[in-house]
All heavy atoms as atom14 arrays in JSON, in Angstrom:
{
  "sequence": "LLLDSICDVFVDVPKDDCQVFVNSHYEDLLKALNEKWPTETACEAF",
  "atom14_mask": [
    [1, 1, 1, 1, 1, 1, 1, 1, 0, 0, 0, 0, 0, 0],
    [1, 1, 1, 1, 1, 1, 1, 1, 0, 0, 0, 0, 0, 0],
    [1, 1, 1, 1, 1, 1, 1, 1, 0, 0, 0, 0, 0, 0],
    [1, 1, 1, 1, 1, 1, 1, 1, 0, 0, 0, 0, 0, 0],
    [1, 1, 1, 1, 1, 1, 0, 0, 0, 0, 0, 0, 0, 0],
    [1, 1, 1, 1, 1, 1, 1, 1, 0, 0, 0, 0, 0, 0],
    [1, 1, 1, 1, 1, 1, 0, 0, 0, 0, 0, 0, 0, 0],
    [1, 1, 1, 1, 1, 1, 1, 1, 0, 0, 0, 0, 0, 0],
    [1, 1, 1, 1, 1, 1, 1, 0, 0, 0, 0, 0, 0, 0],
    [1, 1, 1, 1, 1, 1, 1, 1, 1, 1, 1, 0, 0, 0],
    [1, 1, 1, 1, 1, 1, 1, 0, 0, 0, 0, 0, 0, 0],
    [1, 1, 1, 1, 1, 1, 1, 1, 0, 0, 0, 0, 0, 0],
    [1, 1, 1, 1, 1, 1, 1, 0, 0, 0, 0, 0, 0, 0],
    [1, 1, 1, 1, 1, 1, 1, 0, 0, 0, 0, 0, 0, 0],
    [1, 1, 1, 1, 1, 1, 1, 1, 1, 0, 0, 0, 0, 0],
    [1, 1, 1, 1, 1, 1, 1, 1, 0, 0, 0, 0, 0, 0],
    [1, 1, 1, 1, 1, 1, 1, 1, 0, 0, 0, 0, 0, 0],
    [1, 1, 1, 1, 1, 1, 0, 0, 0, 0, 0, 0, 0, 0],
    [1, 1, 1, 1, 1, 1, 1, 1, 1, 0, 0, 0, 0, 0],
    [1, 1, 1, 1, 1, 1, 1, 0, 0, 0, 0, 0, 0, 0],
    [1, 1, 1, 1, 1, 1, 1, 1, 1, 1, 1, 0, 0, 0],
    [1, 1, 1, 1, 1, 1, 1, 0, 0, 0, 0, 0, 0, 0],
    [1, 1, 1, 1, 1, 1, 1, 1, 0, 0, 0, 0, 0, 0],
    [1, 1, 1, 1, 1, 1, 0, 0, 0, 0, 0, 0, 0, 0],
    [1, 1, 1, 1, 1, 1, 1, 1, 1, 1, 0, 0, 0, 0],
    [1, 1, 1, 1, 1, 1, 1, 1, 1, 1, 1, 1, 0, 0],
    [1, 1, 1, 1, 1, 1, 1, 1, 1, 0, 0, 0, 0, 0],
    [1, 1, 1, 1, 1, 1, 1, 1, 0, 0, 0, 0, 0, 0],
    [1, 1, 1, 1, 1, 1, 1, 1, 0, 0, 0, 0, 0, 0],
    [1, 1, 1, 1, 1, 1, 1, 1, 0, 0, 0, 0, 0, 0],
    [1, 1, 1, 1, 1, 1, 1, 1, 1, 0, 0, 0, 0, 0],
    [1, 1, 1, 1, 1, 0, 0, 0, 0, 0, 0, 0, 0, 0],
    [1, 1, 1, 1, 1, 1, 1, 1, 0, 0, 0, 0, 0, 0],
    [1, 1, 1, 1, 1, 1, 1, 1, 0, 0, 0, 0, 0, 0],
    [1, 1, 1, 1, 1, 1, 1, 1, 1, 0, 0, 0, 0, 0],
    [1, 1, 1, 1, 1, 1, 1, 1, 1, 0, 0, 0, 0, 0],
    [1, 1, 1, 1, 1, 1, 1, 1, 1, 1, 1, 1, 1, 1],
    [1, 1, 1, 1, 1, 1, 1, 0, 0, 0, 0, 0, 0, 0],
    [1, 1, 1, 1, 1, 1, 1, 0, 0, 0, 0, 0, 0, 0],
    [1, 1, 1, 1, 1, 1, 1, 1, 1, 0, 0, 0, 0, 0],
    [1, 1, 1, 1, 1, 1, 1, 0, 0, 0, 0, 0, 0, 0],
    [1, 1, 1, 1, 1, 0, 0, 0, 0, 0, 0, 0, 0, 0],
    [1, 1, 1, 1, 1, 1, 0, 0, 0, 0, 0, 0, 0, 0],
    [1, 1, 1, 1, 1, 1, 1, 1, 1, 0, 0, 0, 0, 0],
    [1, 1, 1, 1, 1, 0, 0, 0, 0, 0, 0, 0, 0, 0],
    [1, 1, 1, 1, 1, 1, 1, 1, 1, 1, 1, 0, 0, 0]
  ],
  "atom14_positions": [
    [[5.24, -14.35, -12.99], [4.09, -14.78, -13.79], [3.62, -13.64, -14.68], [3.3, -13.86, -15.87], [2.95, -15.24, -12.87], [1.63, -15.6, -13.54], [1.82, -16.75, -14.54], [0.58, -15.98, -12.5], [0.0, 0.0, 0.0], [0.0, 0.0, 0.0], [0.0, 0.0, 0.0], [0.0, 0.0, 0.0], [0.0, 0.0, 0.0], [0.0, 0.0, 0.0]],
    [[3.6, -12.44, -14.16], [3.18, -11.29, -14.96], [4.12, -11.07, -16.14], [3.68, -10.89, -17.27], [3.13, -10.04, -14.09], [2.8, -8.74, -14.83], [1.4, -8.81, -15.42], [2.94, -7.54, -13.91], [0.0, 0.0, 0.0], [0.0, 0.0, 0.0], [0.0, 0.0, 0.0], [0.0, 0.0, 0.0], [0.0, 0.0, 0.0], [0.0, 0.0, 0.0]],
    [[5.41, -11.11, -15.9], [6.38, -10.87, -16.97], [6.32, -11.97, -18.03], [6.59, -11.73, -19.2], [7.79, -10.76, -16.4], [8.06, -9.53, -15.54], [9.49, -9.54, -15.0], [7.81, -8.24, -16.32], [0.0, 0.0, 0.0], [0.0, 0.0, 0.0], [0.0, 0.0, 0.0], [0.0, 0.0, 0.0], [0.0, 0.0, 0.0], [0.0, 0.0, 0.0]],
    [[5.96, -13.18, -17.6], [5.84, -14.28, -18.57], [4.58, -14.15, -19.43], [4.49, -14.79, -20.48], [5.8, -15.62, -17.82], [7.15, -15.97, -17.19], [8.16, -15.35, -17.59], [7.17, -16.82, -16.28], [0.0, 0.0, 0.0], [0.0, 0.0, 0.0], [0.0, 0.0, 0.0], [0.0, 0.0, 0.0], [0.0, 0.0, 0.0], [0.0, 0.0, 0.0]],
    [[3.62, -13.33, -18.98], [2.33, -13.26, -19.67], [2.04, -11.92, -20.31], [1.2, -11.83, -21.21], [1.2, -13.56, -18.66], [1.43, -14.75, -17.95], [0.0, 0.0, 0.0], [0.0, 0.0, 0.0], [0.0, 0.0, 0.0], [0.0, 0.0, 0.0], [0.0, 0.0, 0.0], [0.0, 0.0, 0.0], [0.0, 0.0, 0.0], [0.0, 0.0, 0.0]],
    [[2.69, -10.88, -19.87], [2.24, -9.53, -20.18], [2.3, -9.18, -21.66], [1.51, -8.37, -22.14], [3.02, -8.49, -19.34], [2.31, -7.14, -19.38], [4.47, -8.4, -19.78], [2.85, -6.13, -18.39], [0.0, 0.0, 0.0], [0.0, 0.0, 0.0], [0.0, 0.0, 0.0], [0.0, 0.0, 0.0], [0.0, 0.0, 0.0], [0.0, 0.0, 0.0]],
    [[3.21, -9.77, -22.42], [3.31, -9.43, -23.85], [2.04, -9.81, -24.61], [1.79, -9.28, -25.7], [4.54, -10.08, -24.47], [6.09, -9.29, -23.96], [0.0, 0.0, 0.0], [0.0, 0.0, 0.0], [0.0, 0.0, 0.0], [0.0, 0.0, 0.0], [0.0, 0.0, 0.0], [0.0, 0.0, 0.0], [0.0, 0.0, 0.0], [0.0, 0.0, 0.0]],
    [[1.22, -10.7, -24.03], [-0.02, -11.09, -24.7], [-1.02, -9.94, -24.78], [-1.94, -9.97, -25.61], [-0.67, -12.27, -23.97], [0.14, -13.55, -24.11], [0.89, -13.65, -25.1], [0.02, -14.42, -23.24], [0.0, 0.0, 0.0], [0.0, 0.0, 0.0], [0.0, 0.0, 0.0], [0.0, 0.0, 0.0], [0.0, 0.0, 0.0], [0.0, 0.0, 0.0]],
    [[-0.89, -8.93, -23.92], [-1.87, -7.85, -23.93], [-1.55, -6.81, -25.0], [-2.41, -6.0, -25.34], [-1.97, -7.15, -22.55], [-2.18, -8.18, -21.45], [-0.77, -6.28, -22.26], [0.0, 0.0, 0.0], [0.0, 0.0, 0.0], [0.0, 0.0, 0.0], [0.0, 0.0, 0.0], [0.0, 0.0, 0.0], [0.0, 0.0, 0.0], [0.0, 0.0, 0.0]],
    [[-0.34, -6.82, -25.52], [0.04, -5.84, -26.55], [-0.31, -6.4, -27.92], [0.56, -6.74, -28.73], [1.53, -5.52, -26.44], [1.9, -4.78, -25.19], [2.36, -5.46, -24.08], [1.77, -3.41, -25.12], [2.7, -4.79, -22.92], [2.1, -2.72, -23.96], [2.57, -3.41, -22.86], [0.0, 0.0, 0.0], [0.0, 0.0, 0.0], [0.0, 0.0, 0.0]],
    [[-1.61, -6.45, -28.21], [-2.07, -7.14, -29.42], [-1.64, -6.42, -30.7], [-1.52, -7.05, -31.75], [-3.61, -7.29, -29.4], [-4.02, -8.24, -28.3], [-4.29, -5.94, -29.21], [0.0, 0.0, 0.0], [0.0, 0.0, 0.0], [0.0, 0.0, 0.0], [0.0, 0.0, 0.0], [0.0, 0.0, 0.0], [0.0, 0.0, 0.0], [0.0, 0.0, 0.0]],
    [[-1.43, -5.13, -30.64], [-1.05, -4.39, -31.84], [0.44, -4.05, -31.87], [0.88, -3.2, -32.64], [-1.88, -3.09, -31.94], [-3.34, -3.37, -32.22], [-3.61, -4.32, -32.97], [-4.2, -2.67, -31.67], [0.0, 0.0, 0.0], [0.0, 0.0, 0.0], [0.0, 0.0, 0.0], [0.0, 0.0, 0.0], [0.0, 0.0, 0.0], [0.0, 0.0, 0.0]],
    [[1.2, -4.72, -31.02], [2.66, -4.55, -31.0], [3.28, -5.88, -31.39], [2.86, -6.92, -30.88], [3.14, -4.14, -29.59], [4.66, -4.12, -29.52], [2.58, -2.77, -29.24], [0.0, 0.0, 0.0], [0.0, 0.0, 0.0], [0.0, 0.0, 0.0], [0.0, 0.0, 0.0], [0.0, 0.0, 0.0], [0.0, 0.0, 0.0], [0.0, 0.0, 0.0]],
    [[4.24, -5.88, -32.28], [4.92, -7.15, -32.59], [5.38, -7.84, -31.31], [6.11, -7.23, -30.51], [6.09, -6.72, -33.47], [5.65, -5.43, -34.08], [4.81, -4.75, -33.03], [0.0, 0.0, 0.0], [0.0, 0.0, 0.0], [0.0, 0.0, 0.0], [0.0, 0.0, 0.0], [0.0, 0.0, 0.0], [0.0, 0.0, 0.0], [0.0, 0.0, 0.0]],
    [[4.91, -9.07, -31.12], [5.22, -9.74, -29.85], [6.72, -9.9, -29.66], [7.22, -9.86, -28.54], [4.52, -11.1, -29.8], [4.62, -11.78, -28.42], [3.69, -12.95, -28.3], [3.78, -13.56, -26.91], [2.86, -14.69, -26.72], [0.0, 0.0, 0.0], [0.0, 0.0, 0.0], [0.0, 0.0, 0.0], [0.0, 0.0, 0.0], [0.0, 0.0, 0.0]],
    [[7.45, -10.05, -30.76], [8.9, -10.21, -30.63], [9.52, -8.97, -30.0], [10.43, -9.06, -29.18], [9.53, -10.47, -32.01], [9.21, -11.87, -32.51], [8.76, -12.7, -31.69], [9.41, -12.13, -33.71], [0.0, 0.0, 0.0], [0.0, 0.0, 0.0], [0.0, 0.0, 0.0], [0.0, 0.0, 0.0], [0.0, 0.0, 0.0], [0.0, 0.0, 0.0]],
    [[9.01, -7.79, -30.38], [9.56, -6.56, -29.81], [9.34, -6.52, -28.3], [10.25, -6.16, -27.54], [8.88, -5.34, -30.44], [9.31, -5.11, -31.88], [10.18, -5.86, -32.36], [8.77, -4.19, -32.52], [0.0, 0.0, 0.0], [0.0, 0.0, 0.0], [0.0, 0.0, 0.0], [0.0, 0.0, 0.0], [0.0, 0.0, 0.0], [0.0, 0.0, 0.0]],
    [[8.13, -6.87, -27.89], [7.82, -6.89, -26.46], [8.65, -7.94, -25.74], [9.22, -7.68, -24.68], [6.33, -7.15, -26.25], [5.83, -7.23, -24.52], [0.0, 0.0, 0.0], [0.0, 0.0, 0.0], [0.0, 0.0, 0.0], [0.0, 0.0, 0.0], [0.0, 0.0, 0.0], [0.0, 0.0, 0.0], [0.0, 0.0, 0.0], [0.0, 0.0, 0.0]],
    [[8.73, -9.13, -26.32], [9.45, -10.21, -25.66], [10.94, -9.93, -25.58], [11.6, -10.25, -24.59], [9.2, -11.53, -26.4], [9.44, -12.77, -25.55], [8.5, -12.81, -24.35], [7.28, -12.82, -24.5], [9.07, -12.82, -23.15], [0.0, 0.0, 0.0], [0.0, 0.0, 0.0], [0.0, 0.0, 0.0], [0.0, 0.0, 0.0], [0.0, 0.0, 0.0]],
    [[11.49, -9.28, -26.62], [12.91, -8.91, -26.59], [13.16, -7.93, -25.45], [14.16, -8.03, -24.72], [13.35, -8.3, -27.94], [14.69, -7.59, -27.81], [13.43, -9.38, -29.0], [0.0, 0.0, 0.0], [0.0, 0.0, 0.0], [0.0, 0.0, 0.0], [0.0, 0.0, 0.0], [0.0, 0.0, 0.0], [0.0, 0.0, 0.0], [0.0, 0.0, 0.0]],
    [[12.25, -6.97, -25.29], [12.39, -6.0, -24.2], [12.36, -6.7, -22.84], [13.19, -6.44, -21.97], [11.27, -4.96, -24.27], [11.28, -3.97, -23.15], [12.12, -2.87, -23.18], [10.45, -4.14, -22.05], [12.15, -1.96, -22.14], [10.46, -3.23, -21.0], [11.31, -2.14, -21.04], [0.0, 0.0, 0.0], [0.0, 0.0, 0.0], [0.0, 0.0, 0.0]],
    [[11.4, -7.62, -22.65], [11.29, -8.33, -21.37], [12.53, -9.18, -21.12], [13.12, -9.15, -20.02], [10.02, -9.21, -21.33], [10.02, -10.1, -20.09], [8.77, -8.34, -21.34], [0.0, 0.0, 0.0], [0.0, 0.0, 0.0], [0.0, 0.0, 0.0], [0.0, 0.0, 0.0], [0.0, 0.0, 0.0], [0.0, 0.0, 0.0], [0.0, 0.0, 0.0]],
    [[12.95, -9.92, -22.14], [14.12, -10.79, -21.97], [15.38, -9.98, -21.68], [16.23, -10.4, -20.88], [14.32, -11.65, -23.22], [13.21, -12.66, -23.43], [12.46, -12.96, -22.49], [13.07, -13.17, -24.64], [0.0, 0.0, 0.0], [0.0, 0.0, 0.0], [0.0, 0.0, 0.0], [0.0, 0.0, 0.0], [0.0, 0.0, 0.0], [0.0, 0.0, 0.0]],
    [[15.51, -8.83, -22.32], [16.72, -8.02, -22.16], [16.82, -7.41, -20.77], [17.92, -7.17, -20.26], [16.75, -6.9, -23.21], [16.76, -7.42, -24.51], [0.0, 0.0, 0.0], [0.0, 0.0, 0.0], [0.0, 0.0, 0.0], [0.0, 0.0, 0.0], [0.0, 0.0, 0.0], [0.0, 0.0, 0.0], [0.0, 0.0, 0.0], [0.0, 0.0, 0.0]],
    [[15.66, -7.16, -20.15], [15.66, -6.44, -18.87], [14.98, -7.24, -17.76], [14.54, -6.67, -16.76], [14.94, -5.09, -19.04], [15.51, -4.23, -20.11], [16.76, -3.66, -20.04], [14.99, -3.83, -21.31], [17.0, -2.94, -21.13], [15.94, -3.04, -21.92], [0.0, 0.0, 0.0], [0.0, 0.0, 0.0], [0.0, 0.0, 0.0], [0.0, 0.0, 0.0]],
    [[14.92, -8.56, -17.93], [14.11, -9.39, -17.04], [14.47, -9.2, -15.56], [13.6, -8.91, -14.73], [14.25, -10.87, -17.43], [13.24, -11.77, -16.77], [11.97, -11.92, -17.31], [13.54, -12.45, -15.59], [11.04, -12.75, -16.7], [12.61, -13.27, -14.98], [11.36, -13.42, -15.54], [10.43, -14.22, -14.93], [0.0, 0.0, 0.0], [0.0, 0.0, 0.0]],
    [[15.73, -9.37, -15.21], [16.14, -9.27, -13.81], [15.91, -7.86, -13.27], [15.47, -7.68, -12.13], [17.61, -9.68, -13.65], [17.89, -11.13, -13.97], [17.09, -12.1, -13.09], [16.87, -11.77, -11.89], [16.68, -13.15, -13.59], [0.0, 0.0, 0.0], [0.0, 0.0, 0.0], [0.0, 0.0, 0.0], [0.0, 0.0, 0.0], [0.0, 0.0, 0.0]],
    [[16.21, -6.87, -14.12], [15.98, -5.48, -13.69], [14.48, -5.2, -13.49], [14.09, -4.49, -12.56], [16.55, -4.51, -14.73], [18.07, -4.51, -14.75], [18.68, -4.8, -13.69], [18.65, -4.24, -15.81], [0.0, 0.0, 0.0], [0.0, 0.0, 0.0], [0.0, 0.0, 0.0], [0.0, 0.0, 0.0], [0.0, 0.0, 0.0], [0.0, 0.0, 0.0]],
    [[13.65, -5.76, -14.38], [12.2, -5.6, -14.23], [11.7, -6.23, -12.93], [10.87, -5.65, -12.22], [11.48, -6.2, -15.43], [11.45, -5.36, -16.71], [11.03, -6.21, -17.9], [10.49, -4.18, -16.54], [0.0, 0.0, 0.0], [0.0, 0.0, 0.0], [0.0, 0.0, 0.0], [0.0, 0.0, 0.0], [0.0, 0.0, 0.0], [0.0, 0.0, 0.0]],
    [[12.2, -7.43, -12.64], [11.82, -8.09, -11.39], [12.14, -7.2, -10.18], [11.31, -7.01, -9.29], [12.54, -9.42, -11.24], [11.99, -10.63, -11.97], [12.87, -11.84, -11.71], [10.56, -10.93, -11.54], [0.0, 0.0, 0.0], [0.0, 0.0, 0.0], [0.0, 0.0, 0.0], [0.0, 0.0, 0.0], [0.0, 0.0, 0.0], [0.0, 0.0, 0.0]],
    [[13.35, -6.68, -10.18], [13.8, -5.86, -9.05], [12.98, -4.56, -8.96], [12.5, -4.18, -7.89], [15.29, -5.53, -9.21], [15.89, -4.7, -8.07], [17.38, -4.5, -8.3], [17.99, -3.6, -7.21], [17.92, -4.22, -5.89], [0.0, 0.0, 0.0], [0.0, 0.0, 0.0], [0.0, 0.0, 0.0], [0.0, 0.0, 0.0], [0.0, 0.0, 0.0]],
    [[12.8, -3.9, -10.1], [12.11, -2.61, -10.11], [10.65, -2.75, -9.69], [10.15, -1.96, -8.89], [12.21, -1.98, -11.49], [0.0, 0.0, 0.0], [0.0, 0.0, 0.0], [0.0, 0.0, 0.0], [0.0, 0.0, 0.0], [0.0, 0.0, 0.0], [0.0, 0.0, 0.0], [0.0, 0.0, 0.0], [0.0, 0.0, 0.0], [0.0, 0.0, 0.0]],
    [[9.97, -3.77, -10.24], [8.56, -3.96, -9.89], [8.41, -4.41, -8.43], [7.49, -3.97, -7.73], [7.93, -4.98, -10.83], [7.72, -4.5, -12.27], [7.38, -5.66, -13.19], [6.61, -3.44, -12.33], [0.0, 0.0, 0.0], [0.0, 0.0, 0.0], [0.0, 0.0, 0.0], [0.0, 0.0, 0.0], [0.0, 0.0, 0.0], [0.0, 0.0, 0.0]],
    [[9.3, -5.27, -7.98], [9.24, -5.75, -6.61], [9.47, -4.62, -5.61], [8.84, -4.57, -4.55], [10.26, -6.86, -6.39], [10.14, -7.5, -5.02], [9.06, -7.91, -4.61], [11.25, -7.57, -4.29], [0.0, 0.0, 0.0], [0.0, 0.0, 0.0], [0.0, 0.0, 0.0], [0.0, 0.0, 0.0], [0.0, 0.0, 0.0], [0.0, 0.0, 0.0]],
    [[10.35, -3.7, -5.96], [10.68, -2.59, -5.06], [9.87, -1.33, -5.37], [10.09, -0.28, -4.77], [12.18, -2.3, -5.13], [13.03, -3.47, -4.65], [14.53, -3.2, -4.72], [14.92, -2.07, -5.1], [15.31, -4.11, -4.39], [0.0, 0.0, 0.0], [0.0, 0.0, 0.0], [0.0, 0.0, 0.0], [0.0, 0.0, 0.0], [0.0, 0.0, 0.0]],
    [[8.96, -1.43, -6.35], [8.04, -0.35, -6.68], [8.77, 0.93, -7.08], [8.47, 2.02, -6.59], [7.09, -0.09, -5.51], [6.29, -1.31, -5.09], [5.36, -1.02, -3.93], [4.59, -2.27, -3.51], [3.7, -2.04, -2.35], [0.0, 0.0, 0.0], [0.0, 0.0, 0.0], [0.0, 0.0, 0.0], [0.0, 0.0, 0.0], [0.0, 0.0, 0.0]],
    [[9.72, 0.79, -8.0], [10.43, 1.97, -8.48], [9.48, 2.83, -9.31], [8.61, 2.31, -10.03], [11.61, 1.58, -9.36], [12.74, 0.91, -8.64], [12.81, 0.59, -7.32], [13.95, 0.43, -9.23], [13.98, -0.05, -7.03], [14.7, -0.16, -8.19], [14.47, 0.43, -10.52], [15.96, -0.71, -8.42], [15.72, -0.11, -10.75], [16.46, -0.69, -9.7]],
    [[9.65, 4.15, -9.29], [8.9, 5.01, -10.22], [9.27, 4.7, -11.67], [10.35, 4.17, -11.95], [9.33, 6.42, -9.83], [9.91, 6.3, -8.45], [10.49, 4.93, -8.37], [0.0, 0.0, 0.0], [0.0, 0.0, 0.0], [0.0, 0.0, 0.0], [0.0, 0.0, 0.0], [0.0, 0.0, 0.0], [0.0, 0.0, 0.0], [0.0, 0.0, 0.0]],
    [[8.37, 5.02, -12.59], [8.57, 4.7, -14.0], [9.87, 5.27, -14.55], [10.67, 4.55, -15.18], [7.39, 5.21, -14.84], [6.2, 4.59, -14.36], [7.59, 4.87, -16.31], [0.0, 0.0, 0.0], [0.0, 0.0, 0.0], [0.0, 0.0, 0.0], [0.0, 0.0, 0.0], [0.0, 0.0, 0.0], [0.0, 0.0, 0.0], [0.0, 0.0, 0.0]],
    [[10.12, 6.55, -14.32], [11.32, 7.18, -14.89], [12.58, 6.56, -14.31], [13.55, 6.3, -15.05], [11.3, 8.69, -14.63], [10.26, 9.44, -15.42], [10.43, 9.26, -16.93], [11.58, 9.22, -17.41], [9.4, 9.14, -17.63], [0.0, 0.0, 0.0], [0.0, 0.0, 0.0], [0.0, 0.0, 0.0], [0.0, 0.0, 0.0], [0.0, 0.0, 0.0]],
    [[12.58, 6.3, -13.0], [13.75, 5.68, -12.36], [14.02, 4.31, -12.98], [15.18, 3.96, -13.27], [13.51, 5.53, -10.85], [13.24, 6.8, -10.28], [14.71, 4.91, -10.16], [0.0, 0.0, 0.0], [0.0, 0.0, 0.0], [0.0, 0.0, 0.0], [0.0, 0.0, 0.0], [0.0, 0.0, 0.0], [0.0, 0.0, 0.0], [0.0, 0.0, 0.0]],
    [[12.96, 3.52, -13.17], [13.13, 2.17, -13.71], [13.68, 2.21, -15.13], [14.66, 1.51, -15.45], [11.79, 1.44, -13.67], [0.0, 0.0, 0.0], [0.0, 0.0, 0.0], [0.0, 0.0, 0.0], [0.0, 0.0, 0.0], [0.0, 0.0, 0.0], [0.0, 0.0, 0.0], [0.0, 0.0, 0.0], [0.0, 0.0, 0.0], [0.0, 0.0, 0.0]],
    [[13.05, 3.01, -15.99], [13.46, 3.03, -17.39], [14.87, 3.58, -17.56], [15.62, 3.17, -18.48], [12.46, 3.8, -18.23], [10.87, 2.91, -18.37], [0.0, 0.0, 0.0], [0.0, 0.0, 0.0], [0.0, 0.0, 0.0], [0.0, 0.0, 0.0], [0.0, 0.0, 0.0], [0.0, 0.0, 0.0], [0.0, 0.0, 0.0], [0.0, 0.0, 0.0]],
    [[15.27, 4.5, -16.72], [16.65, 5.0, -16.77], [17.61, 3.91, -16.29], [18.7, 3.73, -16.86], [16.77, 6.26, -15.92], [16.09, 7.48, -16.53], [16.08, 8.67, -15.58], [16.74, 8.6, -14.51], [15.4, 9.66, -15.91], [0.0, 0.0, 0.0], [0.0, 0.0, 0.0], [0.0, 0.0, 0.0], [0.0, 0.0, 0.0], [0.0, 0.0, 0.0]],
    [[17.23, 3.18, -15.25], [18.09, 2.1, -14.74], [18.25, 0.99, -15.77], [19.31, 0.36, -15.85], [17.5, 1.56, -13.45], [0.0, 0.0, 0.0], [0.0, 0.0, 0.0], [0.0, 0.0, 0.0], [0.0, 0.0, 0.0], [0.0, 0.0, 0.0], [0.0, 0.0, 0.0], [0.0, 0.0, 0.0], [0.0, 0.0, 0.0], [0.0, 0.0, 0.0]],
    [[17.21, 0.74, -16.57], [17.29, -0.3, -17.59], [18.19, 0.14, -18.75], [18.59, -0.68, -19.59], [15.91, -0.62, -18.19], [14.88, -1.05, -17.17], [13.54, -0.95, -17.46], [15.25, -1.57, -15.93], [12.58, -1.34, -16.55], [14.29, -1.95, -15.01], [12.95, -1.83, -15.32], [0.0, 0.0, 0.0], [0.0, 0.0, 0.0], [0.0, 0.0, 0.0]]
  ]
}
């Protein structure tokens, strides 16, 4: 639910850019957030 909604908070960022990022890394984001990976670990894994 968060990943489906979160791009709405980036009001000054082109929504397409945010949505492309989410769509490109969706499964990895689910796994990283669920397992509470550190930021650097997650972004390197993506």
